[in-house]
């Protein structure tokens, strides 16, 4: 089997056009999708990544809110902000930008995000649903890889795949998604 070129740039542009149309249809029904991104500290790379998300949301017609907390914030500070976002009907999705400072409990914070608004798919309810093969919110990078494979016509049924790394946010969910796709 030879190598296949996957044109991620073209696929990303197609997806953005589809999402923009879906947002426009939601707007016509009086629905305005909203995303909140929580950033703790002043890490330049994280800040640039969050700003890129906000620009993409703006282009697609999605309202975005960036909440920046000082690097000295505590777990309780973050939980308080997340509680407000969970209760805010104008916010449909919440992203907590990782990594968090050492004094903040990543587990407590990610578990506090309402699973229905957990667009990163990190809440244990979403991870459990993923493992069981139920439709759920899934970590962005593995979900994106699966979309690239699907839109490129790659047949995974009966295939073999190798996932390098076993991180909770990429490696493990990627392995599960591939296992499910190979069994269909």
N, C-alpha and C. Protein backbone atom coordinates (compact mmCIF):
# COMPACT_ATOMS: atom_id res chain seq x y z
N UNK A 1 0.85 -1.17 0.00
CA UNK A 1 0.00 0.00 0.00
C UNK A 1 0.89 1.24 0.00
N UNK A 2 0.62 2.16 -0.92
CA UNK A 2 1.40 3.37 -1.01
C UNK A 2 0.87 4.46 -0.09
N UNK A 3 1.65 5.48 0.03
CA UNK A 3 1.26 6.61 0.88
C UNK A 3 0.15 7.41 0.19
N UNK A 4 -0.71 8.00 1.00
CA UNK A 4 -1.80 8.82 0.50
C UNK A 4 -1.67 10.21 1.09
N UNK A 5 -1.76 11.21 0.24
CA UNK A 5 -1.71 12.60 0.71
C UNK A 5 -3.09 13.01 1.20
N UNK A 6 -3.16 13.52 2.41
CA UNK A 6 -4.40 14.04 2.97
C UNK A 6 -4.27 15.55 3.01
N UNK A 7 -5.15 16.22 2.29
CA UNK A 7 -5.10 17.67 2.19
C UNK A 7 -5.88 18.30 3.35
N UNK A 8 -5.21 18.43 4.48
CA UNK A 8 -5.85 18.96 5.68
C UNK A 8 -6.33 20.39 5.53
N UNK A 9 -5.62 21.19 4.76
CA UNK A 9 -6.00 22.59 4.57
C UNK A 9 -7.34 22.67 3.84
N UNK A 10 -7.50 21.88 2.78
CA UNK A 10 -8.76 21.89 2.03
C UNK A 10 -9.91 21.38 2.89
N UNK A 11 -9.65 20.30 3.62
CA UNK A 11 -10.69 19.73 4.47
C UNK A 11 -11.09 20.73 5.55
N UNK A 12 -10.12 21.41 6.13
CA UNK A 12 -10.43 22.42 7.16
C UNK A 12 -11.29 23.54 6.59
N UNK A 13 -10.98 23.99 5.39
CA UNK A 13 -11.77 25.05 4.76
C UNK A 13 -13.20 24.57 4.48
N UNK A 14 -13.33 23.32 4.01
CA UNK A 14 -14.66 22.75 3.78
C UNK A 14 -15.46 22.69 5.08
N UNK A 15 -14.81 22.24 6.14
CA UNK A 15 -15.49 22.15 7.44
C UNK A 15 -15.92 23.53 7.94
N UNK A 16 -15.05 24.51 7.79
CA UNK A 16 -15.40 25.87 8.23
C UNK A 16 -16.61 26.40 7.46
N UNK A 17 -16.65 26.13 6.17
CA UNK A 17 -17.80 26.58 5.37
C UNK A 17 -19.08 25.88 5.84
N UNK A 18 -18.99 24.59 6.13
CA UNK A 18 -20.15 23.85 6.62
C UNK A 18 -20.62 24.37 7.98
N UNK A 19 -19.67 24.63 8.87
CA UNK A 19 -20.03 25.14 10.20
C UNK A 19 -20.63 26.54 10.08
N UNK A 20 -20.06 27.39 9.25
CA UNK A 20 -20.60 28.74 9.06
C UNK A 20 -22.04 28.68 8.57
N UNK A 21 -22.34 27.76 7.65
CA UNK A 21 -23.71 27.59 7.16
C UNK A 21 -24.63 27.10 8.27
N UNK A 22 -24.15 26.15 9.06
CA UNK A 22 -24.95 25.64 10.18
C UNK A 22 -25.23 26.75 11.20
N UNK A 23 -24.23 27.58 11.48
CA UNK A 23 -24.42 28.71 12.41
C UNK A 23 -25.44 29.68 11.83
N UNK A 24 -25.35 29.94 10.54
CA UNK A 24 -26.30 30.85 9.89
C UNK A 24 -27.73 30.30 10.02
N UNK A 25 -27.90 28.99 9.83
CA UNK A 25 -29.21 28.35 9.98
C UNK A 25 -29.70 28.45 11.43
N UNK A 26 -28.80 28.28 12.38
CA UNK A 26 -29.18 28.43 13.79
C UNK A 26 -29.61 29.87 14.09
N UNK A 27 -28.84 30.82 13.54
CA UNK A 27 -29.19 32.24 13.73
C UNK A 27 -30.58 32.54 13.21
N UNK A 28 -30.94 31.93 12.08
CA UNK A 28 -32.26 32.14 11.49
C UNK A 28 -33.37 31.62 12.41
N UNK A 29 -33.01 30.69 13.30
CA UNK A 29 -33.96 30.16 14.27
C UNK A 29 -33.88 30.90 15.61
N UNK A 30 -33.08 31.97 15.63
CA UNK A 30 -32.93 32.75 16.86
C UNK A 30 -31.93 32.17 17.84
N UNK A 31 -31.06 31.30 17.35
CA UNK A 31 -30.05 30.66 18.21
C UNK A 31 -28.67 31.22 17.85
N UNK A 32 -27.93 31.70 18.86
CA UNK A 32 -26.58 32.21 18.66
C UNK A 32 -25.60 31.34 19.44
N UNK A 33 -24.86 30.45 18.78
CA UNK A 33 -23.90 29.61 19.49
C UNK A 33 -22.82 30.44 20.18
N UNK A 34 -22.42 29.99 21.37
CA UNK A 34 -21.41 30.71 22.13
C UNK A 34 -20.37 29.78 22.74
N UNK A 35 -19.12 30.18 22.64
CA UNK A 35 -18.00 29.42 23.20
C UNK A 35 -17.26 30.29 24.20
N UNK A 36 -16.93 29.72 25.36
CA UNK A 36 -16.09 30.41 26.34
C UNK A 36 -14.79 29.64 26.48
N UNK A 37 -13.69 30.38 26.46
CA UNK A 37 -12.38 29.79 26.65
C UNK A 37 -11.77 30.41 27.90
N UNK A 38 -11.34 29.55 28.81
CA UNK A 38 -10.75 30.01 30.07
C UNK A 38 -9.25 29.79 30.00
N UNK A 39 -8.50 30.86 30.19
CA UNK A 39 -7.05 30.83 30.15
C UNK A 39 -6.53 31.29 31.51
N UNK A 40 -5.67 30.49 32.12
CA UNK A 40 -5.10 30.85 33.41
C UNK A 40 -3.61 31.11 33.21
N UNK A 41 -3.19 32.34 33.53
CA UNK A 41 -1.78 32.69 33.40
C UNK A 41 -1.52 33.43 32.10
N UNK A 42 -0.24 33.69 31.86
CA UNK A 42 0.14 34.51 30.71
C UNK A 42 1.09 33.78 29.76
N UNK A 43 0.90 32.47 29.62
CA UNK A 43 1.71 31.70 28.68
C UNK A 43 1.46 32.21 27.27
N UNK A 44 2.49 32.66 26.60
CA UNK A 44 2.35 33.28 25.27
C UNK A 44 1.76 32.31 24.25
N UNK A 45 2.22 31.06 24.25
CA UNK A 45 1.71 30.09 23.27
C UNK A 45 0.23 29.81 23.50
N UNK A 46 -0.16 29.63 24.75
CA UNK A 46 -1.57 29.38 25.07
C UNK A 46 -2.43 30.57 24.70
N UNK A 47 -1.94 31.76 24.98
CA UNK A 47 -2.69 32.97 24.66
C UNK A 47 -2.88 33.11 23.15
N UNK A 48 -1.84 32.82 22.39
CA UNK A 48 -1.93 32.89 20.92
C UNK A 48 -2.93 31.85 20.40
N UNK A 49 -2.93 30.67 20.99
CA UNK A 49 -3.85 29.61 20.59
C UNK A 49 -5.29 30.00 20.88
N UNK A 50 -5.52 30.60 22.05
CA UNK A 50 -6.86 31.05 22.43
C UNK A 50 -7.33 32.17 21.49
N UNK A 51 -6.43 33.08 21.16
CA UNK A 51 -6.78 34.16 20.23
C UNK A 51 -7.14 33.62 18.86
N UNK A 52 -6.42 32.58 18.42
CA UNK A 52 -6.73 31.95 17.13
C UNK A 52 -8.14 31.34 17.16
N UNK A 53 -8.49 30.71 18.28
CA UNK A 53 -9.84 30.13 18.41
C UNK A 53 -10.89 31.23 18.32
N UNK A 54 -10.62 32.36 18.97
CA UNK A 54 -11.58 33.48 18.96
C UNK A 54 -11.75 34.03 17.54
N UNK A 55 -10.65 34.17 16.80
CA UNK A 55 -10.74 34.66 15.41
C UNK A 55 -11.53 33.69 14.54
N UNK A 56 -11.31 32.39 14.73
CA UNK A 56 -12.05 31.39 13.96
C UNK A 56 -13.53 31.46 14.30
N UNK A 57 -13.85 31.57 15.57
CA UNK A 57 -15.27 31.71 15.98
C UNK A 57 -15.90 32.91 15.30
N UNK A 58 -15.20 34.04 15.31
CA UNK A 58 -15.73 35.26 14.70
C UNK A 58 -16.01 35.05 13.22
N UNK A 59 -15.09 34.40 12.51
CA UNK A 59 -15.28 34.14 11.08
C UNK A 59 -16.48 33.23 10.82
N UNK A 60 -16.76 32.32 11.76
CA UNK A 60 -17.84 31.36 11.58
C UNK A 60 -19.17 31.87 12.11
N UNK A 61 -19.15 33.01 12.79
CA UNK A 61 -20.39 33.57 13.33
C UNK A 61 -20.72 33.09 14.73
N UNK A 62 -19.75 32.49 15.40
CA UNK A 62 -19.94 31.99 16.76
C UNK A 62 -19.46 33.06 17.73
N UNK A 63 -20.26 33.34 18.75
CA UNK A 63 -19.84 34.27 19.79
C UNK A 63 -18.77 33.60 20.63
N UNK A 64 -17.70 34.33 20.92
CA UNK A 64 -16.66 33.75 21.78
C UNK A 64 -16.38 34.71 22.93
N UNK A 65 -16.06 34.10 24.05
CA UNK A 65 -15.72 34.86 25.25
C UNK A 65 -14.42 34.30 25.79
N UNK A 66 -13.47 35.17 25.99
CA UNK A 66 -12.17 34.78 26.53
C UNK A 66 -12.09 35.26 27.97
N UNK A 67 -11.92 34.31 28.89
CA UNK A 67 -11.78 34.65 30.30
C UNK A 67 -10.33 34.39 30.67
N UNK A 68 -9.63 35.45 31.05
CA UNK A 68 -8.22 35.34 31.42
C UNK A 68 -8.10 35.56 32.92
N UNK A 69 -7.55 34.56 33.59
CA UNK A 69 -7.34 34.63 35.03
C UNK A 69 -5.84 34.69 35.32
N UNK A 70 -5.47 35.32 36.42
CA UNK A 70 -4.04 35.40 36.75
C UNK A 70 -3.44 34.02 37.02
N UNK A 71 -2.16 33.89 36.79
CA UNK A 71 -1.46 32.63 37.03
C UNK A 71 -1.49 32.21 38.49
N UNK A 72 -1.80 33.12 39.38
CA UNK A 72 -1.87 32.81 40.81
C UNK A 72 -3.24 32.28 41.22
N UNK A 73 -4.16 32.14 40.27
CA UNK A 73 -5.51 31.67 40.58
C UNK A 73 -5.47 30.29 41.23
N UNK A 74 -6.48 30.05 42.09
CA UNK A 74 -6.60 28.77 42.76
C UNK A 74 -7.63 27.90 42.04
N UNK A 75 -7.69 26.66 42.45
CA UNK A 75 -8.71 25.75 41.91
C UNK A 75 -10.09 26.34 42.16
N UNK A 76 -10.32 26.86 43.37
CA UNK A 76 -11.62 27.42 43.74
C UNK A 76 -11.97 28.62 42.85
N UNK A 77 -10.99 29.46 42.53
CA UNK A 77 -11.23 30.60 41.63
C UNK A 77 -11.76 30.10 40.29
N UNK A 78 -11.09 29.11 39.77
CA UNK A 78 -11.46 28.56 38.46
C UNK A 78 -12.84 27.89 38.52
N UNK A 79 -13.10 27.13 39.58
CA UNK A 79 -14.40 26.47 39.72
C UNK A 79 -15.53 27.49 39.77
N UNK A 80 -15.29 28.62 40.40
CA UNK A 80 -16.30 29.67 40.48
C UNK A 80 -16.64 30.21 39.09
N UNK A 81 -15.62 30.45 38.28
CA UNK A 81 -15.85 30.94 36.91
C UNK A 81 -16.57 29.89 36.07
N UNK A 82 -16.18 28.64 36.23
CA UNK A 82 -16.81 27.57 35.45
C UNK A 82 -18.27 27.40 35.85
N UNK A 83 -18.56 27.53 37.13
CA UNK A 83 -19.96 27.45 37.58
C UNK A 83 -20.80 28.49 36.86
N UNK A 84 -20.30 29.71 36.77
CA UNK A 84 -21.05 30.77 36.07
C UNK A 84 -21.23 30.44 34.60
N UNK A 85 -20.21 29.89 33.97
CA UNK A 85 -20.32 29.53 32.56
C UNK A 85 -21.28 28.36 32.36
N UNK A 86 -21.25 27.39 33.27
CA UNK A 86 -22.19 26.27 33.19
C UNK A 86 -23.63 26.77 33.24
N UNK A 87 -23.88 27.81 34.02
CA UNK A 87 -25.24 28.34 34.22
C UNK A 87 -25.63 29.38 33.16
N UNK A 88 -24.70 29.81 32.35
CA UNK A 88 -24.93 30.87 31.36
C UNK A 88 -25.50 30.26 30.08
N UNK A 89 -26.77 30.57 29.80
CA UNK A 89 -27.43 30.01 28.62
C UNK A 89 -26.86 30.53 27.30
N UNK A 90 -26.11 31.61 27.33
CA UNK A 90 -25.52 32.12 26.09
C UNK A 90 -24.22 31.39 25.73
N UNK A 91 -23.75 30.53 26.64
CA UNK A 91 -22.54 29.75 26.41
C UNK A 91 -22.93 28.29 26.18
N UNK A 92 -22.61 27.78 24.99
CA UNK A 92 -22.90 26.39 24.63
C UNK A 92 -21.71 25.47 24.83
N UNK A 93 -20.51 26.04 24.79
CA UNK A 93 -19.31 25.24 24.92
C UNK A 93 -18.28 25.94 25.79
N UNK A 94 -17.55 25.13 26.56
CA UNK A 94 -16.51 25.66 27.44
C UNK A 94 -15.22 24.90 27.16
N UNK A 95 -14.15 25.66 26.96
CA UNK A 95 -12.80 25.10 26.83
C UNK A 95 -11.95 25.66 27.96
N UNK A 96 -11.28 24.80 28.69
CA UNK A 96 -10.29 25.23 29.67
C UNK A 96 -8.94 24.98 29.04
N UNK A 97 -8.23 26.06 28.76
CA UNK A 97 -6.95 25.94 28.07
C UNK A 97 -5.92 25.29 29.00
N UNK A 98 -5.33 24.22 28.53
CA UNK A 98 -4.28 23.52 29.27
C UNK A 98 -2.93 23.90 28.71
N UNK A 99 -1.86 23.84 29.50
CA UNK A 99 -1.81 23.36 30.88
C UNK A 99 -2.27 24.43 31.87
N UNK A 100 -2.65 23.95 33.04
CA UNK A 100 -3.02 24.83 34.15
C UNK A 100 -1.82 24.96 35.09
N UNK A 101 -1.76 26.05 35.86
CA UNK A 101 -0.66 26.18 36.82
C UNK A 101 -0.65 25.02 37.82
N UNK A 102 0.50 24.75 38.41
CA UNK A 102 0.68 23.60 39.29
C UNK A 102 -0.26 23.60 40.49
N UNK A 103 -0.64 24.79 40.98
CA UNK A 103 -1.49 24.85 42.17
C UNK A 103 -2.96 24.56 41.87
N UNK A 104 -3.32 24.42 40.60
CA UNK A 104 -4.70 24.17 40.21
C UNK A 104 -4.89 22.68 39.92
N UNK A 105 -5.95 22.11 40.47
CA UNK A 105 -6.26 20.70 40.23
C UNK A 105 -6.94 20.55 38.87
N UNK A 106 -6.19 20.07 37.90
CA UNK A 106 -6.72 19.87 36.55
C UNK A 106 -7.95 18.96 36.59
N UNK A 107 -7.88 17.88 37.35
CA UNK A 107 -9.00 16.94 37.42
C UNK A 107 -10.26 17.61 37.95
N UNK A 108 -10.16 18.34 39.05
CA UNK A 108 -11.33 19.01 39.62
C UNK A 108 -11.92 20.01 38.63
N UNK A 109 -11.06 20.74 37.97
CA UNK A 109 -11.53 21.76 37.03
C UNK A 109 -12.25 21.12 35.85
N UNK A 110 -11.65 20.11 35.23
CA UNK A 110 -12.25 19.48 34.05
C UNK A 110 -13.54 18.75 34.42
N UNK A 111 -13.61 18.19 35.62
CA UNK A 111 -14.83 17.51 36.06
C UNK A 111 -15.95 18.50 36.39
N UNK A 112 -15.60 19.74 36.63
CA UNK A 112 -16.60 20.75 36.99
C UNK A 112 -17.32 21.32 35.76
N UNK A 113 -16.71 21.18 34.60
CA UNK A 113 -17.35 21.64 33.36
C UNK A 113 -18.55 20.75 33.08
N UNK A 114 -19.70 21.37 32.82
CA UNK A 114 -20.91 20.61 32.47
C UNK A 114 -20.58 19.72 31.26
N UNK A 115 -20.79 18.40 31.37
CA UNK A 115 -20.43 17.50 30.27
C UNK A 115 -21.07 17.88 28.93
N UNK A 116 -22.24 18.52 28.97
CA UNK A 116 -22.91 18.94 27.74
C UNK A 116 -22.23 20.15 27.10
N UNK A 117 -21.40 20.86 27.88
CA UNK A 117 -20.68 22.03 27.36
C UNK A 117 -19.18 21.76 27.21
N UNK A 118 -18.76 20.54 27.49
CA UNK A 118 -17.35 20.14 27.50
C UNK A 118 -16.86 19.86 26.09
N UNK A 119 -16.61 20.92 25.33
CA UNK A 119 -16.27 20.73 23.92
C UNK A 119 -14.93 20.05 23.70
N UNK A 120 -14.11 19.94 24.75
CA UNK A 120 -12.87 19.18 24.62
C UNK A 120 -13.07 17.70 24.90
N UNK A 121 -14.23 17.32 25.44
CA UNK A 121 -14.50 15.92 25.72
C UNK A 121 -13.67 15.33 26.83
N UNK A 122 -13.25 16.15 27.80
CA UNK A 122 -12.38 15.68 28.88
C UNK A 122 -13.12 15.21 30.12
N UNK A 123 -14.39 15.55 30.26
CA UNK A 123 -15.16 15.13 31.44
C UNK A 123 -15.29 13.61 31.42
N UNK A 124 -15.25 12.99 32.60
CA UNK A 124 -15.30 11.52 32.64
C UNK A 124 -16.58 10.96 32.03
N UNK A 125 -17.67 11.70 32.06
CA UNK A 125 -18.91 11.24 31.41
C UNK A 125 -18.69 11.11 29.91
N UNK A 126 -18.00 12.07 29.32
CA UNK A 126 -17.74 12.03 27.88
C UNK A 126 -16.70 10.97 27.54
N UNK A 127 -15.69 10.83 28.38
CA UNK A 127 -14.66 9.81 28.13
C UNK A 127 -15.29 8.42 28.23
N UNK A 128 -16.15 8.20 29.23
CA UNK A 128 -16.82 6.91 29.38
C UNK A 128 -17.72 6.60 28.20
N UNK A 129 -18.47 7.61 27.76
CA UNK A 129 -19.34 7.41 26.59
C UNK A 129 -18.52 7.09 25.35
N UNK A 130 -17.39 7.75 25.21
CA UNK A 130 -16.50 7.45 24.08
C UNK A 130 -16.04 6.00 24.13
N UNK A 131 -15.62 5.57 25.30
CA UNK A 131 -15.13 4.20 25.44
C UNK A 131 -16.21 3.18 25.09
N UNK A 132 -17.46 3.48 25.44
CA UNK A 132 -18.56 2.56 25.17
C UNK A 132 -19.09 2.67 23.74
N UNK A 133 -18.58 3.64 22.99
CA UNK A 133 -19.00 3.78 21.60
C UNK A 133 -20.25 4.60 21.41
N UNK A 134 -20.64 5.35 22.44
CA UNK A 134 -21.82 6.20 22.34
C UNK A 134 -21.44 7.55 21.73
N UNK A 135 -22.40 8.20 21.10
CA UNK A 135 -22.15 9.54 20.56
C UNK A 135 -21.91 10.49 21.73
N UNK A 136 -20.86 11.26 21.66
CA UNK A 136 -20.48 12.15 22.76
C UNK A 136 -19.54 13.22 22.25
N UNK A 137 -19.21 14.16 23.10
CA UNK A 137 -18.19 15.15 22.78
C UNK A 137 -16.83 14.49 22.95
N UNK A 138 -15.95 14.70 21.97
CA UNK A 138 -14.66 14.00 21.93
C UNK A 138 -13.53 15.03 21.81
N UNK A 139 -12.40 14.71 22.41
CA UNK A 139 -11.22 15.57 22.33
C UNK A 139 -10.98 16.02 20.88
N UNK A 140 -10.62 17.28 20.73
CA UNK A 140 -10.55 17.92 19.41
C UNK A 140 -9.56 17.26 18.44
N UNK A 141 -8.34 17.02 18.87
CA UNK A 141 -7.33 16.50 17.94
C UNK A 141 -7.69 15.10 17.43
N UNK A 142 -8.03 14.14 18.29
CA UNK A 142 -8.40 12.83 17.76
C UNK A 142 -9.65 12.88 16.88
N UNK A 143 -10.59 13.71 17.27
CA UNK A 143 -11.80 13.87 16.45
C UNK A 143 -11.44 14.42 15.07
N UNK A 144 -10.52 15.38 15.05
CA UNK A 144 -10.06 15.95 13.79
C UNK A 144 -9.35 14.94 12.92
N UNK A 145 -8.54 14.09 13.53
CA UNK A 145 -7.84 13.04 12.78
C UNK A 145 -8.85 12.11 12.12
N UNK A 146 -9.88 11.73 12.87
CA UNK A 146 -10.90 10.84 12.32
C UNK A 146 -11.64 11.50 11.16
N UNK A 147 -11.91 12.79 11.29
CA UNK A 147 -12.60 13.52 10.22
C UNK A 147 -11.71 13.60 8.98
N UNK A 148 -10.41 13.81 9.17
CA UNK A 148 -9.48 13.82 8.04
C UNK A 148 -9.48 12.47 7.31
N UNK A 149 -9.43 11.40 8.08
CA UNK A 149 -9.43 10.06 7.48
C UNK A 149 -10.73 9.80 6.74
N UNK A 150 -11.85 10.14 7.37
CA UNK A 150 -13.16 9.91 6.75
C UNK A 150 -13.31 10.69 5.45
N UNK A 151 -12.98 11.97 5.48
CA UNK A 151 -13.15 12.81 4.30
C UNK A 151 -12.14 12.50 3.21
N UNK A 152 -11.10 11.77 3.57
CA UNK A 152 -10.10 11.37 2.58
C UNK A 152 -10.38 9.98 2.03
N UNK A 153 -11.48 9.38 2.49
CA UNK A 153 -11.87 8.07 1.98
C UNK A 153 -11.04 6.91 2.47
N UNK A 154 -10.37 7.08 3.60
CA UNK A 154 -9.55 6.00 4.15
C UNK A 154 -10.46 4.98 4.83
N UNK A 155 -10.40 3.73 4.37
CA UNK A 155 -11.21 2.66 4.94
C UNK A 155 -10.45 2.06 6.11
N UNK A 156 -11.02 2.17 7.30
CA UNK A 156 -10.35 1.67 8.50
C UNK A 156 -10.83 0.29 8.93
N UNK A 157 -11.92 -0.20 8.33
CA UNK A 157 -12.46 -1.49 8.74
C UNK A 157 -11.43 -2.59 8.52
N UNK A 158 -11.09 -3.27 9.60
CA UNK A 158 -10.12 -4.36 9.52
C UNK A 158 -8.67 -3.91 9.42
N UNK A 159 -8.43 -2.61 9.46
CA UNK A 159 -7.07 -2.09 9.32
C UNK A 159 -6.30 -2.23 10.63
N UNK A 160 -5.00 -2.03 10.55
CA UNK A 160 -4.14 -1.95 11.72
C UNK A 160 -3.68 -0.51 11.85
N UNK A 161 -3.58 -0.03 13.08
CA UNK A 161 -3.13 1.33 13.31
C UNK A 161 -2.22 1.37 14.52
N UNK A 162 -1.32 2.31 14.51
CA UNK A 162 -0.43 2.52 15.65
C UNK A 162 -0.62 3.94 16.12
N UNK A 163 -0.83 4.09 17.43
CA UNK A 163 -0.93 5.42 18.04
C UNK A 163 0.28 5.56 18.95
N UNK A 164 1.09 6.55 18.66
CA UNK A 164 2.28 6.80 19.49
C UNK A 164 1.89 7.77 20.59
N UNK A 165 2.11 7.38 21.81
CA UNK A 165 1.75 8.22 22.95
C UNK A 165 0.43 7.79 23.54
N UNK A 166 0.25 8.06 24.82
CA UNK A 166 -0.97 7.63 25.51
C UNK A 166 -1.54 8.73 26.38
N UNK A 167 -1.43 9.96 25.91
CA UNK A 167 -1.95 11.08 26.69
C UNK A 167 -3.47 11.00 26.78
N UNK A 168 -4.01 11.58 27.84
CA UNK A 168 -5.46 11.57 28.04
C UNK A 168 -6.19 12.42 27.01
N UNK A 169 -5.52 13.44 26.48
CA UNK A 169 -6.21 14.34 25.56
C UNK A 169 -6.03 14.00 24.09
N UNK A 170 -5.06 13.16 23.74
CA UNK A 170 -4.88 12.79 22.33
C UNK A 170 -4.74 11.27 22.17
N UNK A 171 -3.70 10.69 22.72
CA UNK A 171 -3.38 9.29 22.46
C UNK A 171 -4.48 8.30 22.82
N UNK A 172 -4.99 8.37 24.04
CA UNK A 172 -6.01 7.41 24.47
C UNK A 172 -7.31 7.58 23.67
N UNK A 173 -7.86 8.80 23.55
CA UNK A 173 -9.09 8.90 22.75
C UNK A 173 -8.87 8.52 21.28
N UNK A 174 -7.68 8.81 20.75
CA UNK A 174 -7.41 8.44 19.35
C UNK A 174 -7.45 6.93 19.19
N UNK A 175 -6.84 6.21 20.13
CA UNK A 175 -6.84 4.75 20.06
C UNK A 175 -8.27 4.20 20.12
N UNK A 176 -9.10 4.77 21.00
CA UNK A 176 -10.48 4.30 21.13
C UNK A 176 -11.27 4.58 19.85
N UNK A 177 -11.13 5.79 19.31
CA UNK A 177 -11.84 6.12 18.07
C UNK A 177 -11.44 5.19 16.93
N UNK A 178 -10.16 4.90 16.83
CA UNK A 178 -9.68 3.99 15.78
C UNK A 178 -10.22 2.58 16.00
N UNK A 179 -10.22 2.12 17.24
CA UNK A 179 -10.76 0.78 17.52
C UNK A 179 -12.22 0.68 17.08
N UNK A 180 -13.00 1.69 17.44
CA UNK A 180 -14.42 1.68 17.04
C UNK A 180 -14.57 1.69 15.51
N UNK A 181 -13.77 2.50 14.83
CA UNK A 181 -13.87 2.60 13.37
C UNK A 181 -13.44 1.31 12.69
N UNK A 182 -12.49 0.61 13.25
CA UNK A 182 -11.98 -0.63 12.65
C UNK A 182 -12.96 -1.78 12.83
N UNK A 183 -13.86 -1.67 13.80
CA UNK A 183 -14.80 -2.76 14.09
C UNK A 183 -16.12 -2.59 13.33
N UNK A 184 -16.32 -1.48 12.69
CA UNK A 184 -17.59 -1.25 12.00
C UNK A 184 -17.66 -2.00 10.72
